Amino acid sequence: MSVSVLGAGAFGTALAISLAGKGPVTLWAREPGDMADRRENSKRLPNCPFPDRLSVTNSLTLGCRADILLLAVPMQKLRSVLEEHATLLHGKHLVACCKGIELSSGVGPVSVIAQTIPDAKAAILTGPSFAADIARGLPTALTLACADAEAGKYLQAELTTANLRLYRTTDTIGAELGGALKNVVAIASGAAIGAGLGESARAALMTRGYAEMQRLATHLKAEPTTLAGLSGFGDLTLTCTSEQSRNYRLGQSLGQGTPFDPSTTVEGAATARAVDALAREAALDMPITRAVAGLLDNQLDVAGAMKSLLTRPLKEE
């Protein structure tokens, strides 16, 4: 196995730690700081020591020597990273490890890879997971989606570890949407709890948010059953119920009316805006997504968002 992880945020670091349990792994960081000396990522993932077979580099040339490259960079920066370093990436297995919809194009990470590195074998690794759990060896299950079935089988075998179990699908669109849209619902759920609206309101938002996820998936020709799995229902459950989720914490801040650290990457914010634009263009009914976009753009407050949802015409479930 020859694997590199490009991007040393918490999730990329956690994947590198887990994968290094079965073979050598290179972790590329634009600014590695003292990670190589301290043998941990004390800034992004403290108290999770690096295995001996994990090496750190700031040389992308070295990082891209591997056959399998895990792209653990923010969704909204993925295209620029790929375009900037395209000559190093041709013909590789490129596995997106980010969740979201690109604001400028309205497409997910696998499509971005296909558009920028056409000869790459593109895939996405997504599902219910917190970086700290993976890094500490706690059992985690994820979805690996790759349109090329044989490449998917290869990646599944190479990237499964002692604590990381991967389930395979060829439905890349469904896997992309599950990982992206659950972040939008998590913001809504956090806002409901932050505003003191209660657990019942959160349950309603999760359920009706899942209906919105299915609606968009059907429109984009994804398999609805994909969203019933780890990348949809599983990730939705985790992200909407834990303060470890940055999207959920952003929602709490919106509900409480308190500031949120602007340096924290929250993929659901851009995704909400991108999906709202997609839904409007396609005349799809996605009121929770629209409310979240309104909250983020200060066009609605939580009270106004809830009123807009509760006063909608009555309908069958």
C-alpha atoms as a PDB file:
ATOM      1  CA  MET A   1       0.000   0.000   0.000  1.00  0.00           C
ATOM      2  CA  SER A   2       1.244   3.480  -0.869  1.00  0.00           C
ATOM      3  CA  VAL A   3      -0.889   6.198   0.746  1.00  0.00           C
ATOM      4  CA  SER A   4      -0.537   9.913   1.400  1.00  0.00           C
ATOM      5  CA  VAL A   5      -2.948  12.266   3.108  1.00  0.00           C
ATOM      6  CA  LEU A   6      -2.905  15.789   1.701  1.00  0.00           C
ATOM      7  CA  GLY A   7      -4.112  18.164   4.380  1.00  0.00           C
ATOM      8  CA  ALA A   8      -3.240  18.096   8.066  1.00  0.00           C
ATOM      9  CA  GLY A   9      -6.453  19.299   9.628  1.00  0.00           C
ATOM     10  CA  ALA A  10      -8.020  17.174  12.335  1.00  0.00           C
ATOM     11  CA  PHE A  11      -9.703  14.711   9.966  1.00  0.00           C
ATOM     12  CA  GLY A  12      -6.720  14.286   7.640  1.00  0.00           C
ATOM     13  CA  THR A  13      -4.424  13.763  10.609  1.00  0.00           C
ATOM     14  CA  ALA A  14      -6.795  11.198  12.119  1.00  0.00           C
ATOM     15  CA  LEU A  15      -6.967   9.226   8.867  1.00  0.00           C
ATOM     16  CA  ALA A  16      -3.181   9.262   8.602  1.00  0.00           C
ATOM     17  CA  ILE A  17      -2.857   7.944  12.174  1.00  0.00           C
ATOM     18  CA  SER A  18      -5.314   5.120  11.547  1.00  0.00           C
ATOM     19  CA  LEU A  19      -3.798   4.129   8.175  1.00  0.00           C
ATOM     20  CA  ALA A  20      -0.253   4.159   9.590  1.00  0.00           C
ATOM     21  CA  GLY A  21      -1.304   1.257  11.762  1.00  0.00           C
ATOM     22  CA  LYS A  22      -1.067  -1.004   8.683  1.00  0.00           C
ATOM     23  CA  GLY A  23       1.714   0.580   6.637  1.00  0.00           C
ATOM     24  CA  PRO A  24       3.788   3.706   5.896  1.00  0.00           C
ATOM     25  CA  VAL A  25       1.755   6.889   5.399  1.00  0.00           C
ATOM     26  CA  THR A  26       2.849  10.389   4.444  1.00  0.00           C
ATOM     27  CA  LEU A  27       0.943  13.373   5.846  1.00  0.00           C
ATOM     28  CA  TRP A  28       1.380  16.546   3.829  1.00  0.00           C
ATOM     29  CA  ALA A  29       0.917  19.862   5.606  1.00  0.00           C
ATOM     30  CA  ARG A  30       1.364  23.271   4.026  1.00  0.00           C
ATOM     31  CA  GLU A  31       2.682  24.523   7.360  1.00  0.00           C
ATOM     32  CA  PRO A  32       3.725  21.479   9.416  1.00  0.00           C
ATOM     33  CA  GLY A  33       5.174  23.499  12.292  1.00  0.00           C
ATOM     34  CA  ASP A  34       6.692  21.145  14.860  1.00  0.00           C
ATOM     35  CA  MET A  35       4.505  18.132  14.100  1.00  0.00           C
ATOM     36  CA  ALA A  36       7.441  16.019  12.946  1.00  0.00           C
ATOM     37  CA  ASP A  37       9.391  16.705  16.137  1.00  0.00           C
ATOM     38  CA  ARG A  38       6.503  16.513  18.602  1.00  0.00           C
ATOM     39  CA  ARG A  39       4.976  13.495  16.808  1.00  0.00           C
ATOM     40  CA  GLU A  40       1.483  14.876  17.135  1.00  0.00           C
ATOM     41  CA  ASN A  41      -0.712  17.592  15.641  1.00  0.00           C
ATOM     42  CA  SER A  42      -1.017  19.599  18.835  1.00  0.00           C
ATOM     43  CA  LYS A  43      -2.929  22.416  17.116  1.00  0.00           C
ATOM     44  CA  ARG A  44      -5.643  20.420  15.331  1.00  0.00           C
ATOM     45  CA  LEU A  45      -5.694  17.048  17.105  1.00  0.00           C
ATOM     46  CA  PRO A  46      -3.898  17.179  20.468  1.00  0.00           C
ATOM     47  CA  ASN A  47      -3.078  14.113  22.570  1.00  0.00           C
ATOM     48  CA  CYS A  48      -3.145  11.766  19.584  1.00  0.00           C
ATOM     49  CA  PRO A  49       0.464  10.602  19.081  1.00  0.00           C
ATOM     50  CA  PHE A  50       1.755   9.692  15.633  1.00  0.00           C
ATOM     51  CA  PRO A  51       2.641   6.030  14.902  1.00  0.00           C
ATOM     52  CA  ASP A  52       6.217   5.339  13.839  1.00  0.00           C
ATOM     53  CA  ARG A  53       5.155   4.724  10.237  1.00  0.00           C
ATOM     54  CA  LEU A  54       3.592   8.172   9.841  1.00  0.00           C
ATOM     55  CA  SER A  55       5.912  10.766   8.291  1.00  0.00           C
ATOM     56  CA  VAL A  56       5.181  14.481   7.903  1.00  0.00           C
ATOM     57  CA  THR A  57       6.299  16.657   4.991  1.00  0.00           C
ATOM     58  CA  ASN A  58       5.663  20.098   3.558  1.00  0.00           C
ATOM     59  CA  SER A  59       6.818  18.938   0.126  1.00  0.00           C
ATOM     60  CA  LEU A  60       3.849  18.198  -2.090  1.00  0.00           C
ATOM     61  CA  THR A  61       6.173  16.422  -4.513  1.00  0.00           C
ATOM     62  CA  LEU A  62       7.011  13.914  -1.785  1.00  0.00           C
ATOM     63  CA  GLY A  63       3.402  13.740  -0.668  1.00  0.00           C
ATOM     64  CA  CYS A  64       2.186  12.905  -4.158  1.00  0.00           C
ATOM     65  CA  ARG A  65       4.534   9.976  -4.743  1.00  0.00           C
ATOM     66  CA  ALA A  66       1.945   7.606  -3.308  1.00  0.00           C
ATOM     67  CA  ASP A  67      -0.543   5.742  -5.500  1.00  0.00           C
ATOM     68  CA  ILE A  68      -3.506   6.665  -3.289  1.00  0.00           C
ATOM     69  CA  LEU A  69      -3.942  10.295  -2.274  1.00  0.00           C
ATOM     70  CA  LEU A  70      -6.542  11.262   0.326  1.00  0.00           C
ATOM     71  CA  LEU A  71      -7.586  14.884  -0.236  1.00  0.00           C
ATOM     72  CA  ALA A  72      -8.372  16.210   3.233  1.00  0.00           C
ATOM     73  CA  VAL A  73      -8.717  19.875   2.276  1.00  0.00           C
ATOM     74  CA  PRO A  74     -11.785  22.119   2.724  1.00  0.00           C
ATOM     75  CA  MET A  75     -14.414  21.686   0.021  1.00  0.00           C
ATOM     76  CA  GLN A  76     -14.302  25.290  -1.106  1.00  0.00           C
ATOM     77  CA  LYS A  77     -10.497  25.071  -1.605  1.00  0.00           C
ATOM     78  CA  LEU A  78     -10.425  21.682  -3.318  1.00  0.00           C
ATOM     79  CA  ARG A  79     -10.552  22.947  -6.902  1.00  0.00           C
ATOM     80  CA  SER A  80      -7.752  25.476  -6.436  1.00  0.00           C
ATOM     81  CA  VAL A  81      -5.505  22.854  -4.812  1.00  0.00           C
ATOM     82  CA  LEU A  82      -6.133  20.426  -7.672  1.00  0.00           C
ATOM     83  CA  GLU A  83      -5.585  23.044 -10.367  1.00  0.00           C
ATOM     84  CA  GLU A  84      -2.407  24.348  -8.740  1.00  0.00           C
ATOM     85  CA  HIS A  85      -0.821  20.911  -8.468  1.00  0.00           C
ATOM     86  CA  ALA A  86      -2.409  19.067 -11.404  1.00  0.00           C
ATOM     87  CA  THR A  87       0.914  17.845 -12.833  1.00  0.00           C
ATOM     88  CA  LEU A  88       1.542  15.816  -9.663  1.00  0.00           C
ATOM     89  CA  LEU A  89      -1.906  14.250  -9.560  1.00  0.00           C
ATOM     90  CA  HIS A  90      -2.488  12.732 -13.000  1.00  0.00           C
ATOM     91  CA  GLY A  91      -3.407   9.055 -13.019  1.00  0.00           C
ATOM     92  CA  LYS A  92      -3.635   8.755  -9.235  1.00  0.00           C
ATOM     93  CA  HIS A  93      -6.391   7.377  -7.049  1.00  0.00           C
ATOM     94  CA  LEU A  94      -7.775  10.627  -5.606  1.00  0.00           C
ATOM     95  CA  VAL A  95     -10.099  10.184  -2.644  1.00  0.00           C
ATOM     96  CA  ALA A  96     -11.968  13.284  -1.481  1.00  0.00           C
ATOM     97  CA  CYS A  97     -12.287  13.468   2.308  1.00  0.00           C
ATOM     98  CA  CYS A  98     -14.305  16.692   2.420  1.00  0.00           C
ATOM     99  CA  LYS A  99     -18.060  17.187   2.616  1.00  0.00           C
ATOM    100  CA  GLY A 100     -19.925  19.904   0.801  1.00  0.00           C
ATOM    101  CA  ILE A 101     -21.175  21.460  -2.412  1.00  0.00           C
ATOM    102  CA  GLU A 102     -18.925  23.908  -4.222  1.00  0.00           C
ATOM    103  CA  LEU A 103     -20.471  27.365  -4.027  1.00  0.00           C
ATOM    104  CA  SER A 104     -19.193  28.509  -7.428  1.00  0.00           C
ATOM    105  CA  SER A 105     -20.340  25.452  -9.437  1.00  0.00           C
ATOM    106  CA  GLY A 106     -22.978  23.629  -7.400  1.00  0.00           C
ATOM    107  CA  VAL A 107     -21.174  20.271  -7.671  1.00  0.00           C
ATOM    108  CA  GLY A 108     -19.618  17.931  -5.115  1.00  0.00           C
ATOM    109  CA  PRO A 109     -15.988  16.891  -4.602  1.00  0.00           C
ATOM    110  CA  VAL A 110     -15.963  13.880  -6.964  1.00  0.00           C
ATOM    111  CA  SER A 111     -17.217  16.086  -9.787  1.00  0.00           C
ATOM    112  CA  VAL A 112     -14.576  18.695  -8.973  1.00  0.00           C
ATOM    113  CA  ILE A 113     -11.879  16.018  -9.216  1.00  0.00           C
ATOM    114  CA  ALA A 114     -13.292  14.740 -12.520  1.00  0.00           C
ATOM    115  CA  GLN A 115     -13.378  18.249 -13.978  1.00  0.00           C
ATOM    116  CA  THR A 116      -9.822  19.167 -12.957  1.00  0.00           C
ATOM    117  CA  ILE A 117      -7.932  15.838 -13.172  1.00  0.00           C
ATOM    118  CA  PRO A 118      -9.902  13.853 -15.801  1.00  0.00           C
ATOM    119  CA  ASP A 119      -7.574  10.817 -15.826  1.00  0.00           C
ATOM    120  CA  ALA A 120      -7.673  10.344 -12.054  1.00  0.00           C
ATOM    121  CA  LYS A 121      -9.653   7.569 -10.402  1.00  0.00           C
ATOM    122  CA  ALA A 122     -11.954   9.718  -8.272  1.00  0.00           C
ATOM    123  CA  ALA A 123     -13.679   8.603  -5.082  1.00  0.00           C
ATOM    124  CA  ILE A 124     -15.072  10.020  -1.862  1.00  0.00           C
ATOM    125  CA  LEU A 125     -14.726   8.818   1.729  1.00  0.00           C
ATOM    126  CA  THR A 126     -17.579  10.064   3.880  1.00  0.00           C
ATOM    127  CA  GLY A 127     -19.877   9.145   6.744  1.00  0.00           C
ATOM    128  CA  PRO A 128     -20.423   9.532  10.488  1.00  0.00           C
ATOM    129  CA  SER A 129     -17.038  10.186  12.041  1.00  0.00           C
ATOM    130  CA  PHE A 130     -15.250  12.506  14.404  1.00  0.00           C
ATOM    131  CA  ALA A 131     -11.505  12.880  13.974  1.00  0.00           C
ATOM    132  CA  ALA A 132     -10.732  12.235  17.641  1.00  0.00           C
ATOM    133  CA  ASP A 133     -12.596   8.905  17.556  1.00  0.00           C
ATOM    134  CA  ILE A 134     -10.666   7.685  14.513  1.00  0.00           C
ATOM    135  CA  ALA A 135      -7.301   8.831  15.864  1.00  0.00           C
ATOM    136  CA  ARG A 136      -7.866   7.110  19.212  1.00  0.00           C
ATOM    137  CA  GLY A 137      -8.658   3.821  17.554  1.00  0.00           C
ATOM    138  CA  LEU A 138     -12.386   3.825  18.257  1.00  0.00           C
ATOM    139  CA  PRO A 139     -14.523   1.805  15.815  1.00  0.00           C
ATOM    140  CA  THR A 140     -15.857   3.877  12.916  1.00  0.00           C
ATOM    141  CA  ALA A 141     -17.695   2.931   9.720  1.00  0.00           C
ATOM    142  CA  LEU A 142     -17.620   5.056   6.564  1.00  0.00           C
ATOM    143  CA  THR A 143     -18.884   4.987   2.986  1.00  0.00           C
ATOM    144  CA  LEU A 144     -16.370   4.758   0.139  1.00  0.00           C
ATOM    145  CA  ALA A 145     -17.993   5.798  -3.142  1.00  0.00           C
ATOM    146  CA  CYS A 146     -16.280   5.250  -6.484  1.00  0.00           C
ATOM    147  CA  ALA A 147     -17.999   5.035  -9.863  1.00  0.00           C
ATOM    148  CA  ASP A 148     -15.341   2.547 -11.041  1.00  0.00           C
ATOM    149  CA  ALA A 149     -16.371  -0.626  -9.211  1.00  0.00           C
ATOM    150  CA  GLU A 150     -12.948  -2.313  -9.473  1.00  0.00           C
ATOM    151  CA  ALA A 151     -11.124   0.786  -8.271  1.00  0.00           C
ATOM    152  CA  GLY A 152     -13.620   0.971  -5.413  1.00  0.00           C
ATOM    153  CA  LYS A 153     -12.820  -2.600  -4.360  1.00  0.00           C
ATOM    154  CA  TYR A 154      -9.098  -1.817  -4.418  1.00  0.00           C
ATOM    155  CA  LEU A 155      -9.522   1.322  -2.351  1.00  0.00           C
ATOM    156  CA  GLN A 156     -11.829  -0.411   0.110  1.00  0.00           C
ATOM    157  CA  ALA A 157      -9.201  -3.086   0.780  1.00  0.00           C
ATOM    158  CA  GLU A 158      -6.318  -0.641   1.033  1.00  0.00           C
ATOM    159  CA  LEU A 159      -8.025   1.961   3.233  1.00  0.00           C
ATOM    160  CA  THR A 160      -9.824  -0.317   5.696  1.00  0.00           C
ATOM    161  CA  THR A 161      -7.916  -0.428   9.000  1.00  0.00           C
ATOM    162  CA  ALA A 162      -8.233  -2.122  12.364  1.00  0.00           C
ATOM    163  CA  ASN A 163     -10.749   0.495  13.549  1.00  0.00           C
ATOM    164  CA  LEU A 164     -11.992   1.915  10.243  1.00  0.00           C
ATOM    165  CA  ARG A 165     -14.522  -0.227   8.361  1.00  0.00           C
ATOM    166  CA  LEU A 166     -15.475   0.906   4.856  1.00  0.00           C
ATOM    167  CA  TYR A 167     -18.657   0.088   2.956  1.00  0.00           C
ATOM    168  CA  ARG A 168     -18.496   0.421  -0.826  1.00  0.00           C
ATOM    169  CA  THR A 169     -20.895   1.983  -3.344  1.00  0.00           C
ATOM    170  CA  THR A 170     -20.713   3.236  -6.924  1.00  0.00           C
ATOM    171  CA  ASP A 171     -23.241   6.010  -6.180  1.00  0.00           C
ATOM    172  CA  THR A 172     -20.871   8.932  -5.831  1.00  0.00           C
ATOM    173  CA  ILE A 173     -23.641  11.543  -6.142  1.00  0.00           C
ATOM    174  CA  GLY A 174     -25.646  10.019  -3.299  1.00  0.00           C
ATOM    175  CA  ALA A 175     -22.572   9.776  -1.071  1.00  0.00           C
ATOM    176  CA  GLU A 176     -21.620  13.379  -1.862  1.00  0.00           C
ATOM    177  CA  LEU A 177     -25.113  14.644  -1.089  1.00  0.00           C
ATOM    178  CA  GLY A 178     -25.435  12.723   2.157  1.00  0.00           C
ATOM    179  CA  GLY A 179     -22.195  14.148   3.520  1.00  0.00           C
ATOM    180  CA  ALA A 180     -22.953  17.663   2.314  1.00  0.00           C
ATOM    181  CA  LEU A 181     -26.624  18.121   3.150  1.00  0.00           C
ATOM    182  CA  LYS A 182     -26.485  16.698   6.665  1.00  0.00           C
ATOM    183  CA  ASN A 183     -24.268  19.671   7.577  1.00  0.00           C
ATOM    184  CA  VAL A 184     -27.061  22.054   6.608  1.00  0.00           C
ATOM    185  CA  VAL A 185     -29.531  20.173   8.801  1.00  0.00           C
ATOM    186  CA  ALA A 186     -26.964  20.160  11.618  1.00  0.00           C
ATOM    187  CA  ILE A 187     -26.826  23.962  11.521  1.00  0.00           C
ATOM    188  CA  ALA A 188     -30.620  24.064  11.762  1.00  0.00           C
ATOM    189  CA  SER A 189     -30.605  21.570  14.640  1.00  0.00           C
ATOM    190  CA  GLY A 190     -27.957  23.508  16.536  1.00  0.00           C
ATOM    191  CA  ALA A 191     -29.936  26.716  16.061  1.00  0.00           C
ATOM    192  CA  ALA A 192     -33.065  25.088  17.482  1.00  0.00           C
ATOM    193  CA  ILE A 193     -31.240  23.861  20.588  1.00  0.00           C
ATOM    194  CA  GLY A 194     -29.320  27.116  20.963  1.00  0.00           C
ATOM    195  CA  ALA A 195     -32.565  29.073  20.890  1.00  0.00           C
ATOM    196  CA  GLY A 196     -34.129  26.825  23.514  1.00  0.00           C
ATOM    197  CA  LEU A 197     -36.738  25.343  21.177  1.00  0.00           C
ATOM    198  CA  GLY A 198     -36.267  21.853  22.579  1.00  0.00           C
ATOM    199  CA  GLU A 199     -35.481  18.292  21.590  1.00  0.00           C
ATOM    200  CA  SER A 200     -38.809  17.793  19.808  1.00  0.00           C
ATOM    201  CA  ALA A 201     -38.021  20.676  17.463  1.00  0.00           C
ATOM    202  CA  ARG A 202     -34.629  19.142  16.705  1.00  0.00           C
ATOM    203  CA  ALA A 203     -36.204  15.768  15.953  1.00  0.00           C
ATOM    204  CA  ALA A 204     -38.643  17.445  13.571  1.00  0.00           C
ATOM    205  CA  LEU A 205     -35.852  19.317  11.803  1.00  0.00           C
ATOM    206  CA  MET A 206     -33.774  16.152  11.421  1.00  0.00           C
ATOM    207  CA  THR A 207     -36.717  14.200  10.006  1.00  0.00           C
ATOM    208  CA  ARG A 208     -37.929  16.864   7.597  1.00  0.00           C
ATOM    209  CA  GLY A 209     -34.334  17.738   6.739  1.00  0.00           C
ATOM    210  CA  TYR A 210     -33.797  14.125   5.733  1.00  0.00           C
ATOM    211  CA  ALA A 211     -36.844  14.430   3.464  1.00  0.00           C
ATOM    212  CA  GLU A 212     -35.175  17.412   1.790  1.00  0.00           C
ATOM    213  CA  MET A 213     -31.978  15.397   1.348  1.00  0.00           C
ATOM    214  CA  GLN A 214     -33.949  12.635  -0.381  1.00  0.00           C
ATOM    215  CA  ARG A 215     -35.748  15.178  -2.556  1.00  0.00           C
ATOM    216  CA  LEU A 216     -32.550  16.663  -3.940  1.00  0.00           C
ATOM    217  CA  ALA A 217     -30.934  13.233  -4.307  1.00  0.00           C
ATOM    218  CA  THR A 218     -33.855  12.019  -6.421  1.00  0.00           C
ATOM    219  CA  HIS A 219     -33.681  15.162  -8.573  1.00  0.00           C
ATOM    220  CA  LEU A 220     -29.951  14.630  -9.198  1.00  0.00           C
ATOM    221  CA  LYS A 221     -30.439  10.936 -10.099  1.00  0.00           C
ATOM    222  CA  ALA A 222     -28.762   9.557  -6.984  1.00  0.00           C
ATOM    223  CA  GLU A 223     -29.937   6.320  -5.410  1.00  0.00           C
ATOM    224  CA  PRO A 224     -32.282   7.221  -2.525  1.00  0.00           C
ATOM    225  CA  THR A 225     -31.116   4.120  -0.638  1.00  0.00           C
ATOM    226  CA  THR A 226     -27.593   5.581  -0.430  1.00  0.00           C
ATOM    227  CA  LEU A 227     -28.885   8.320   1.854  1.00  0.00           C
ATOM    228  CA  ALA A 228     -30.413   5.680   4.111  1.00  0.00           C
ATOM    229  CA  GLY A 229     -26.879   4.471   4.839  1.00  0.00           C
ATOM    230  CA  LEU A 230     -23.808   5.808   6.586  1.00  0.00           C
ATOM    231  CA  SER A 231     -23.249   8.823   4.320  1.00  0.00           C
ATOM    232  CA  GLY A 232     -26.807  10.075   4.832  1.00  0.00           C
ATOM    233  CA  PHE A 233     -28.835   8.873   7.797  1.00  0.00           C
ATOM    234  CA  GLY A 234     -25.773   7.829   9.798  1.00  0.00           C
ATOM    235  CA  ASP A 235     -23.930  11.114   9.373  1.00  0.00           C
ATOM    236  CA  LEU A 236     -27.131  13.101   9.939  1.00  0.00           C
ATOM    237  CA  THR A 237     -27.672  11.395  13.294  1.00  0.00           C
ATOM    238  CA  LEU A 238     -24.142  12.054  14.510  1.00  0.00           C
ATOM    239  CA  THR A 239     -23.779  15.620  13.302  1.00  0.00           C
ATOM    240  CA  CYS A 240     -27.148  16.882  14.524  1.00  0.00           C
ATOM    241  CA  THR A 241     -26.699  15.602  18.072  1.00  0.00           C
ATOM    242  CA  SER A 242     -23.129  16.360  19.139  1.00  0.00           C
ATOM    243  CA  GLU A 243     -21.239  19.513  20.019  1.00  0.00           C
ATOM    244  CA  GLN A 244     -18.156  17.932  18.461  1.00  0.00           C
ATOM    245  CA  SER A 245     -19.730  18.952  15.138  1.00  0.00           C
ATOM    246  CA  ARG A 246     -18.599  22.382  13.983  1.00  0.00           C
ATOM    247  CA  ASN A 247     -21.788  22.768  11.951  1.00  0.00           C
ATOM    248  CA  TYR A 248     -23.925  22.035  14.996  1.00  0.00           C
ATOM    249  CA  ARG A 249     -21.883  24.496  17.096  1.00  0.00           C
ATOM    250  CA  LEU A 250     -22.319  27.199  14.451  1.00  0.00           C
ATOM    251  CA  GLY A 251     -26.070  26.621  14.623  1.00  0.00           C
ATOM    252  CA  GLN A 252     -25.993  26.903  18.413  1.00  0.00           C
ATOM    253  CA  SER A 253     -24.225  30.241  18.109  1.00  0.00           C
ATOM    254  CA  LEU A 254     -26.849  31.457  15.662  1.00  0.00           C
ATOM    255  CA  GLY A 255     -29.615  30.318  18.009  1.00  0.00           C
ATOM    256  CA  GLN A 256     -28.005  31.951  21.032  1.00  0.00           C
ATOM    257  CA  GLY A 257     -27.007  35.109  19.171  1.00  0.00           C
ATOM    258  CA  THR A 258     -23.356  34.697  20.197  1.00  0.00           C
ATOM    259  CA  PRO A 259     -20.217  35.148  18.070  1.00  0.00           C
ATOM    260  CA  PHE A 260     -18.641  32.160  16.314  1.00  0.00           C
ATOM    261  CA  ASP A 261     -14.911  31.833  15.586  1.00  0.00           C
ATOM    262  CA  PRO A 262     -14.587  32.932  11.926  1.00  0.00           C
ATOM    263  CA  SER A 263     -11.356  30.942  11.510  1.00  0.00           C
ATOM    264  CA  THR A 264     -13.232  27.649  12.030  1.00  0.00           C
ATOM    265  CA  THR A 265     -14.039  25.841   8.786  1.00  0.00           C
ATOM    266  CA  VAL A 266     -17.764  25.064   8.656  1.00  0.00           C
ATOM    267  CA  GLU A 267     -18.550  23.323   5.381  1.00  0.00           C
ATOM    268  CA  GLY A 268     -22.325  23.538   5.857  1.00  0.00           C
ATOM    269  CA  ALA A 269     -22.402  27.329   5.563  1.00  0.00           C
ATOM    270  CA  ALA A 270     -21.290  27.468   1.926  1.00  0.00           C
ATOM    271  CA  THR A 271     -23.236  24.292   1.177  1.00  0.00           C
ATOM    272  CA  ALA A 272     -26.486  25.814   2.455  1.00  0.00           C
ATOM    273  CA  ARG A 273     -26.081  28.754   0.103  1.00  0.00           C
ATOM    274  CA  ALA A 274     -25.105  26.535  -2.836  1.00  0.00           C
ATOM    275  CA  VAL A 275     -27.980  24.101  -2.298  1.00  0.00           C
ATOM    276  CA  ASP A 276     -30.504  26.898  -1.806  1.00  0.00           C
ATOM    277  CA  ALA A 277     -29.474  28.287  -5.179  1.00  0.00           C
ATOM    278  CA  LEU A 278     -29.777  24.824  -6.762  1.00  0.00           C
ATOM    279  CA  ALA A 279     -33.200  24.275  -5.221  1.00  0.00           C
ATOM    280  CA  ARG A 280     -34.534  27.643  -6.387  1.00  0.00           C
ATOM    281  CA  GLU A 281     -33.269  27.024  -9.934  1.00  0.00           C
ATOM    282  CA  ALA A 282     -34.858  23.561 -10.027  1.00  0.00           C
ATOM    283  CA  ALA A 283     -38.071  24.672  -8.260  1.00  0.00           C
ATOM    284  CA  LEU A 284     -37.455  22.154  -5.468  1.00  0.00           C
ATOM    285  CA  ASP A 285     -39.156  22.653  -2.121  1.00  0.00           C
ATOM    286  CA  MET A 286     -36.326  22.792   0.465  1.00  0.00           C
ATOM    287  CA  PRO A 287     -37.592  25.123   3.206  1.00  0.00           C
ATOM    288  CA  ILE A 288     -35.101  24.115   5.925  1.00  0.00           C
ATOM    289  CA  THR A 289     -32.176  24.730   3.603  1.00  0.00           C
ATOM    290  CA  ARG A 290     -33.684  28.079   2.631  1.00  0.00           C
ATOM    291  CA  ALA A 291     -34.138  29.014   6.301  1.00  0.00           C
ATOM    292  CA  VAL A 292     -30.525  28.113   7.132  1.00  0.00           C
ATOM    293  CA  ALA A 293     -29.247  30.189   4.223  1.00  0.00           C
ATOM    294  CA  GLY A 294     -31.400  33.076   5.457  1.00  0.00           C
ATOM    295  CA  LEU A 295     -29.969  32.760   8.973  1.00  0.00           C
ATOM    296  CA  LEU A 296     -26.414  32.730   7.678  1.00  0.00           C
ATOM    297  CA  ASP A 297     -26.981  35.799   5.516  1.00  0.00           C
ATOM    298  CA  ASN A 298     -28.785  37.683   8.315  1.00  0.00           C
ATOM    299  CA  GLN A 299     -31.999  37.768   6.313  1.00  0.00           C
ATOM    300  CA  LEU A 300     -33.802  35.832   9.065  1.00  0.00           C
ATOM    301  CA  ASP A 301     -33.480  35.385  12.798  1.00  0.00           C
ATOM    302  CA  VAL A 302     -34.331  32.095  14.503  1.00  0.00           C
ATOM    303  CA  ALA A 303     -37.837  33.260  15.404  1.00  0.00           C
ATOM    304  CA  GLY A 304     -38.483  34.293  11.813  1.00  0.00           C
ATOM    305  CA  ALA A 305     -37.043  31.042  10.483  1.00  0.00           C
ATOM    306  CA  MET A 306     -39.279  28.958  12.741  1.00  0.00           C
ATOM    307  CA  LYS A 307     -42.321  31.016  11.801  1.00  0.00           C
ATOM    308  CA  SER A 308     -41.580  30.470   8.110  1.00  0.00           C
ATOM    309  CA  LEU A 309     -41.443  26.705   8.699  1.00  0.00           C
ATOM    310  CA  LEU A 310     -44.440  26.397  11.022  1.00  0.00           C
ATOM    311  CA  THR A 311     -46.797  28.473   8.895  1.00  0.00           C
ATOM    312  CA  ARG A 312     -46.232  26.519   5.688  1.00  0.00           C
ATOM    313  CA  PRO A 313     -49.334  24.909   4.156  1.00  0.00           C
ATOM    314  CA  LEU A 314     -50.351  21.650   5.826  1.00  0.00           C
ATOM    315  CA  LYS A 315     -49.551  18.517   3.812  1.00  0.00           C
ATOM    316  CA  GLU A 316     -49.266  14.743   3.946  1.00  0.00           C
ATOM    317  CA  GLU A 317     -45.999  13.295   5.189  1.00  0.00           C
END
